[in-house]
Protein backbone atom coordinates (compact mmCIF):
# COMPACT_ATOMS: atom_id res chain seq x y z
CA MET A 1 117.67 79.83 99.53
CA THR A 2 114.07 80.16 100.69
CA THR A 3 112.07 78.60 103.45
CA THR A 4 108.41 77.63 103.27
CA SER A 5 105.99 77.43 106.14
CA ARG A 6 102.40 76.24 106.44
CA CYS A 7 99.48 77.97 108.04
CA SER A 8 96.09 76.53 108.74
CA CYS A 9 92.62 77.98 108.30
CA SER A 10 90.33 78.11 111.32
CA ASN A 11 90.75 75.09 113.52
CA ASP A 12 91.27 72.46 110.86
CA SER A 13 94.54 71.26 109.45
CA ARG A 14 94.09 71.95 105.73
CA ASP A 15 96.75 74.09 104.12
CA CYS A 16 95.46 77.53 103.13
CA LEU A 17 98.60 79.44 102.28
CA GLN A 18 102.19 78.71 101.52
CA VAL A 19 104.39 81.50 102.82
CA THR A 20 107.81 81.72 101.26
CA SER A 21 110.47 84.02 102.65
CA PRO A 22 114.16 84.42 101.96
CA SER A 23 116.46 82.92 104.55
CA ASP A 24 118.47 86.16 104.55
CA ASP A 25 115.95 88.71 105.75
CA VAL A 26 115.54 91.54 103.24
CA PHE A 27 113.82 93.53 105.98
CA ALA A 28 116.68 93.29 108.50
CA ASP A 29 117.55 97.00 108.28
CA VAL A 30 114.04 98.24 109.00
CA LEU A 31 113.41 95.59 111.64
CA THR A 32 116.60 96.66 113.42
CA ALA A 33 115.46 100.29 113.22
CA ASN A 34 112.06 99.28 114.57
CA ALA A 35 113.66 97.51 117.54
CA ALA A 36 115.48 100.75 118.40
CA HIS A 37 112.24 102.70 117.94
CA ALA A 38 110.30 100.32 120.18
CA GLU A 39 112.79 100.79 123.04
CA HIS A 40 111.66 104.40 123.49
CA PHE A 41 108.16 104.14 122.01
CA ARG A 42 105.25 105.87 123.70
CA PRO A 43 101.76 105.19 122.31
CA VAL A 44 99.84 108.15 120.91
CA PRO A 45 97.64 109.19 123.84
CA ARG A 46 94.51 109.50 121.68
CA GLU A 47 91.79 107.37 120.20
CA GLY A 48 92.20 106.23 116.61
CA LYS A 49 90.09 109.15 115.44
CA ALA A 50 91.40 112.18 113.54
CA ALA A 51 92.05 114.79 116.24
CA LYS A 52 92.09 117.61 113.63
CA ARG A 53 89.08 116.05 111.85
CA LEU A 54 91.20 115.92 108.68
CA ALA A 55 91.90 113.30 106.03
CA LEU A 56 94.77 113.85 103.62
CA LEU A 57 95.14 112.11 100.28
CA THR A 58 98.61 112.54 98.84
CA CYS A 59 101.07 110.74 96.62
CA MET A 60 103.14 107.77 97.73
CA ASP A 61 106.29 109.70 96.76
CA SER A 62 108.75 109.13 99.60
CA ARG A 63 109.94 112.74 99.45
CA ILE A 64 106.64 113.84 101.00
CA ASP A 65 106.30 113.83 104.79
CA PRO A 66 102.54 114.40 105.11
CA LEU A 67 102.47 115.22 108.82
CA ALA A 68 105.39 117.66 108.67
CA MET A 69 103.99 119.26 105.51
CA LEU A 70 100.92 120.39 107.45
CA GLY A 71 102.42 120.88 110.91
CA LEU A 72 100.58 117.85 112.24
CA ALA A 73 101.45 115.14 114.74
CA ALA A 74 100.58 111.45 114.95
CA GLY A 75 96.84 111.06 115.55
CA ASP A 76 95.89 114.41 113.99
CA ALA A 77 94.78 113.17 110.57
CA LYS A 78 93.99 110.12 108.48
CA ILE A 79 96.63 109.76 105.78
CA LEU A 80 95.79 108.05 102.47
CA ARG A 81 98.47 107.59 99.82
CA ASN A 82 98.65 106.26 96.30
CA ALA A 83 100.47 106.94 93.05
CA GLY A 84 99.56 110.45 91.94
CA ALA A 85 97.23 111.26 94.86
CA ARG A 86 94.24 110.16 92.78
CA VAL A 87 90.73 109.60 94.08
CA THR A 88 89.99 105.95 93.38
CA ASP A 89 87.11 103.74 94.48
CA ASP A 90 89.28 102.53 97.37
CA VAL A 91 89.94 106.12 98.48
CA LEU A 92 86.20 106.85 98.42
CA ARG A 93 85.47 103.70 100.44
CA THR A 94 88.11 104.68 102.98
CA LEU A 95 86.75 108.22 103.25
CA VAL A 96 83.29 106.87 104.04
CA LEU A 97 84.79 105.00 107.00
CA ALA A 98 86.89 108.00 108.03
CA SER A 99 83.91 110.33 107.83
CA TYR A 100 81.39 108.26 109.73
CA LEU A 101 83.59 106.34 112.16
CA LEU A 102 86.78 108.38 112.64
CA ASP A 103 85.55 111.99 112.97
CA VAL A 104 86.80 113.26 109.59
CA ASP A 105 84.82 116.23 108.28
CA ARG A 106 87.36 117.73 105.85
CA VAL A 107 89.61 116.30 103.18
CA MET A 108 92.69 117.65 101.43
CA VAL A 109 93.67 116.19 98.06
CA VAL A 110 97.36 117.05 97.66
CA ALA A 111 99.22 116.32 94.44
CA HIS A 112 102.85 117.45 94.09
CA THR A 113 105.30 118.92 91.64
CA ASN A 114 107.55 116.62 89.62
CA CYS A 115 105.18 113.67 90.01
CA ARG A 116 105.81 110.69 87.73
CA MET A 117 102.05 110.34 87.24
CA ALA A 118 101.78 113.91 85.88
CA GLY A 119 103.21 115.00 82.57
CA GLY A 120 103.30 111.59 80.92
CA SER A 121 100.80 109.24 79.35
CA GLU A 122 99.49 105.85 80.41
CA ASP A 123 101.53 104.37 77.56
CA ASP A 124 104.68 106.02 78.93
CA VAL A 125 104.17 104.38 82.31
CA HIS A 126 103.37 100.96 80.82
CA LYS A 127 106.52 101.21 78.72
CA ALA A 128 108.64 102.26 81.73
CA VAL A 129 107.36 99.29 83.75
CA ALA A 130 108.17 96.91 80.89
CA GLU A 131 111.63 98.44 80.42
CA ALA A 132 112.28 97.95 84.14
CA GLY A 133 111.64 94.23 83.66
CA GLY A 134 108.03 94.28 84.80
CA PRO A 135 105.05 92.49 83.30
CA ASP A 136 102.64 93.77 80.68
CA THR A 137 100.53 96.26 82.66
CA ARG A 138 98.25 97.49 79.88
CA SER A 139 95.23 96.05 81.71
CA LEU A 140 95.89 98.52 84.56
CA SER A 141 95.04 102.21 84.62
CA PHE A 142 97.63 104.33 86.41
CA LEU A 143 95.49 107.50 86.20
CA THR A 144 98.24 109.63 84.68
CA THR A 145 97.52 113.21 83.68
CA ASP A 146 99.10 115.93 81.61
CA ASP A 147 97.09 118.60 83.46
CA GLN A 148 97.64 118.16 87.19
CA ASP A 149 95.42 121.07 88.26
CA SER A 150 92.54 119.71 86.20
CA ALA A 151 93.05 116.23 87.69
CA VAL A 152 93.01 117.68 91.22
CA ARG A 153 89.78 119.60 90.46
CA HIS A 154 88.23 116.44 88.99
CA ASP A 155 89.19 114.36 92.01
CA VAL A 156 87.90 116.96 94.47
CA GLN A 157 84.60 117.02 92.59
CA ARG A 158 84.47 113.24 92.67
CA ILE A 159 84.59 113.33 96.49
CA ARG A 160 82.12 116.24 96.73
CA SER A 161 79.59 114.45 94.52
CA TRP A 162 79.94 111.00 96.10
CA PRO A 163 76.50 110.26 97.59
CA TYR A 164 77.99 108.62 100.68
CA LEU A 165 79.94 111.76 101.64
CA PRO A 166 77.46 114.64 101.82
CA GLY A 167 78.64 117.83 103.49
CA LEU A 168 82.32 116.92 103.61
CA ALA A 169 84.59 119.95 103.10
CA VAL A 170 87.08 119.12 100.34
CA GLY A 171 89.99 121.15 98.97
CA GLY A 172 92.57 120.48 96.28
CA PHE A 173 96.23 121.49 96.46
CA VAL A 174 99.62 121.00 94.84
CA TYR A 175 102.67 120.64 97.10
CA ASP A 176 105.94 122.08 95.80
CA LEU A 177 108.75 119.62 96.51
CA GLN A 178 111.39 122.36 96.20
CA SER A 179 109.87 125.02 98.45
CA GLY A 180 107.69 122.91 100.76
CA SER A 181 104.69 125.17 100.14
CA LEU A 182 101.14 124.31 99.18
CA ARG A 183 99.25 126.01 96.35
CA ARG A 184 95.48 125.84 96.50
CA VAL A 185 93.86 124.64 93.27
CA CYS A 186 90.23 124.53 94.44
């Protein structure tokens, strides 16, 4: 069973969005955990700027803890994540904001071992999505690679050559999920 609610745009009464949510909350576990977290929560005593002047782009893989990986704490760095740790137009846009408004002057691009986006083709990923019951995704590019080091070098160069990010220090790395160590690529 689902419930539907209305919202209104601005101050008028026209419907702008129908929000449908299950009556049994699929987020109950994490909302319960958040309630426990909030009981002892202390805000980070810093501005929203990157205290270590660092931005980190890494994969969305849930086995990666970006702050722990680099010995950082909340507020130290701007963390960007996507499938495969690839430099996309959205990453570049975000880095412009981070660089000019949030004190970032260095960027780490960190791919990782055993990544689903490395070692297979675009066709492999489209097929896997379809086999999992998903839609036809052939109109999407997942930016897969069969040469992870080359992809990291390419993405680092993409940031370095972006005209809106002059002078930004950029390095490329691969994180080993088994050892926890970083290997510098460029």
